[in-house]
C-alpha atoms as a PDB file:
ATOM      1  CA  MET A   1      79.336  88.694  78.119  1.00  0.00           C
ATOM      2  CA  ASN A   2      77.542  87.321  81.102  1.00  0.00           C
ATOM      3  CA  ALA A   3      74.027  88.769  81.134  1.00  0.00           C
ATOM      4  CA  PHE A   4      73.901  88.599  84.920  1.00  0.00           C
ATOM      5  CA  SER A   5      77.104  90.436  85.757  1.00  0.00           C
ATOM      6  CA  GLY A   6      77.802  92.400  82.587  1.00  0.00           C
ATOM      7  CA  LYS A   7      81.348  91.021  82.637  1.00  0.00           C
ATOM      8  CA  GLN A   8      83.117  89.045  79.972  1.00  0.00           C
ATOM      9  CA  VAL A   9      83.125  85.292  80.568  1.00  0.00           C
ATOM     10  CA  MET A  10      86.422  83.412  80.457  1.00  0.00           C
ATOM     11  CA  THR A  11      86.353  80.794  77.701  1.00  0.00           C
ATOM     12  CA  SER A  12      87.617  77.256  78.224  1.00  0.00           C
ATOM     13  CA  GLU A  13      90.578  78.032  75.978  1.00  0.00           C
ATOM     14  CA  GLU A  14      91.471  81.142  77.997  1.00  0.00           C
ATOM     15  CA  TYR A  15      91.128  79.204  81.250  1.00  0.00           C
ATOM     16  CA  GLU A  16      93.466  76.491  79.966  1.00  0.00           C
ATOM     17  CA  LEU A  17      96.033  79.039  78.747  1.00  0.00           C
ATOM     18  CA  LEU A  18      96.096  80.837  82.089  1.00  0.00           C
ATOM     19  CA  ARG A  19      95.922  77.679  84.187  1.00  0.00           C
ATOM     20  CA  ASN A  20      98.788  76.066  82.248  1.00  0.00           C
ATOM     21  CA  LEU A  21     100.878  79.223  82.502  1.00  0.00           C
ATOM     22  CA  VAL A  22     100.362  79.494  86.259  1.00  0.00           C
ATOM     23  CA  GLU A  23     101.134  75.798  86.733  1.00  0.00           C
ATOM     24  CA  GLY A  24     104.158  75.838  84.445  1.00  0.00           C
ATOM     25  CA  GLU A  25     105.711  78.943  85.953  1.00  0.00           C
ATOM     26  CA  THR A  26     104.810  78.493  89.621  1.00  0.00           C
ATOM     27  CA  GLY A  27     103.960  74.833  90.145  1.00  0.00           C
ATOM     28  CA  ILE A  28     100.505  75.802  91.440  1.00  0.00           C
ATOM     29  CA  VAL A  29      98.052  73.174  90.187  1.00  0.00           C
ATOM     30  CA  MET A  30      94.548  74.467  89.548  1.00  0.00           C
ATOM     31  CA  LYS A  31      91.865  71.855  89.039  1.00  0.00           C
ATOM     32  CA  GLN A  32      88.838  72.431  86.812  1.00  0.00           C
ATOM     33  CA  ASN A  33      86.692  73.272  89.846  1.00  0.00           C
ATOM     34  CA  ARG A  34      88.900  76.353  90.405  1.00  0.00           C
ATOM     35  CA  ARG A  35      87.806  77.975  87.142  1.00  0.00           C
ATOM     36  CA  LEU A  36      85.447  80.412  88.870  1.00  0.00           C
ATOM     37  CA  THR A  37      88.201  81.409  91.301  1.00  0.00           C
ATOM     38  CA  LEU A  38      90.643  82.066  88.479  1.00  0.00           C
ATOM     39  CA  HIS A  39      87.954  83.944  86.565  1.00  0.00           C
ATOM     40  CA  SER A  40      87.217  86.285  89.484  1.00  0.00           C
ATOM     41  CA  LYS A  41      90.887  86.880  90.326  1.00  0.00           C
ATOM     42  CA  VAL A  42      91.836  87.592  86.727  1.00  0.00           C
ATOM     43  CA  SER A  43      88.790  89.774  86.064  1.00  0.00           C
ATOM     44  CA  HIS A  44      89.896  91.923  88.998  1.00  0.00           C
ATOM     45  CA  ARG A  45      93.367  92.272  87.445  1.00  0.00           C
ATOM     46  CA  LEU A  46      91.839  93.099  84.035  1.00  0.00           C
ATOM     47  CA  MET A  47      89.899  95.937  85.603  1.00  0.00           C
ATOM     48  CA  ILE A  48      92.914  97.312  87.491  1.00  0.00           C
ATOM     49  CA  LEU A  49      95.220  97.136  84.472  1.00  0.00           C
ATOM     50  CA  GLY A  50      92.653  98.246  81.895  1.00  0.00           C
ATOM     51  CA  ILE A  51      93.149  95.101  79.820  1.00  0.00           C
ATOM     52  CA  PRO A  52      90.034  94.268  77.781  1.00  0.00           C
ATOM     53  CA  THR A  53      90.179  90.460  77.421  1.00  0.00           C
ATOM     54  CA  TYR A  54      91.527  87.381  79.168  1.00  0.00           C
ATOM     55  CA  ARG A  55      93.572  86.562  76.059  1.00  0.00           C
ATOM     56  CA  ASP A  56      95.112  90.031  76.145  1.00  0.00           C
ATOM     57  CA  TYR A  57      95.975  89.454  79.809  1.00  0.00           C
ATOM     58  CA  TYR A  58      97.619  86.132  78.931  1.00  0.00           C
ATOM     59  CA  ASP A  59      99.644  87.868  76.207  1.00  0.00           C
ATOM     60  CA  PHE A  60     100.601  90.555  78.743  1.00  0.00           C
ATOM     61  CA  LEU A  61     101.761  87.889  81.209  1.00  0.00           C
ATOM     62  CA  ILE A  62     103.954  86.048  78.719  1.00  0.00           C
ATOM     63  CA  SER A  63     105.467  89.263  77.343  1.00  0.00           C
ATOM     64  CA  ASP A  64     106.661  90.445  80.769  1.00  0.00           C
ATOM     65  CA  PRO A  65     110.291  89.303  81.111  1.00  0.00           C
ATOM     66  CA  ALA A  66     110.391  90.229  84.814  1.00  0.00           C
ATOM     67  CA  ARG A  67     107.268  88.093  85.479  1.00  0.00           C
ATOM     68  CA  GLU A  68     106.009  90.728  87.938  1.00  0.00           C
ATOM     69  CA  GLU A  69     102.352  90.392  86.954  1.00  0.00           C
ATOM     70  CA  LEU A  70     102.596  86.600  87.017  1.00  0.00           C
ATOM     71  CA  PHE A  71     103.826  86.833  90.603  1.00  0.00           C
ATOM     72  CA  ILE A  72     100.901  89.133  91.459  1.00  0.00           C
ATOM     73  CA  LEU A  73      98.459  86.696  89.853  1.00  0.00           C
ATOM     74  CA  ALA A  74     100.017  83.755  91.714  1.00  0.00           C
ATOM     75  CA  THR A  75      99.580  85.517  95.045  1.00  0.00           C
ATOM     76  CA  HIS A  76      95.939  86.232  94.187  1.00  0.00           C
ATOM     77  CA  VAL A  77      95.044  82.658  93.220  1.00  0.00           C
ATOM     78  CA  THR A  78      96.653  80.937  96.182  1.00  0.00           C
ATOM     79  CA  ASP A  79      94.671  80.249  99.318  1.00  0.00           C
ATOM     80  CA  ASN A  80      96.869  81.147 102.231  1.00  0.00           C
ATOM     81  CA  GLU A  81      96.264  78.867 105.163  1.00  0.00           C
ATOM     82  CA  SER A  82      97.013  79.844 108.706  1.00  0.00           C
ATOM     83  CA  TYR A  83      96.852  77.801 111.856  1.00  0.00           C
ATOM     84  CA  PHE A  84      97.352  80.847 114.061  1.00  0.00           C
ATOM     85  CA  PHE A  85      95.047  80.791 117.088  1.00  0.00           C
ATOM     86  CA  ARG A  86      93.374  77.563 116.011  1.00  0.00           C
ATOM     87  CA  GLU A  87      92.713  74.742 118.403  1.00  0.00           C
ATOM     88  CA  ASN A  88      94.812  71.623 118.206  1.00  0.00           C
ATOM     89  CA  PRO A  89      92.953  68.516 117.048  1.00  0.00           C
ATOM     90  CA  SER A  90      91.822  66.312 119.953  1.00  0.00           C
END
């Protein structure tokens, strides 16, 4: 547990499991500096789904033949970029 937030901290092993699953299934490459992002996105999903640990969430992801939750996770971890209403470079 993280004393500051009261939330469980994602271990390196859990990060690697989830990162490798996301990359293998979606092609989304997450570098080590994205660990905090993955942690916050997954912790949100844990809370919504009532899943107690990151390992349990991983097991849930790989046991879902429809891959619905994996798709939801992928949409949460991607940074959508929009050029709408932005100025053109000079």
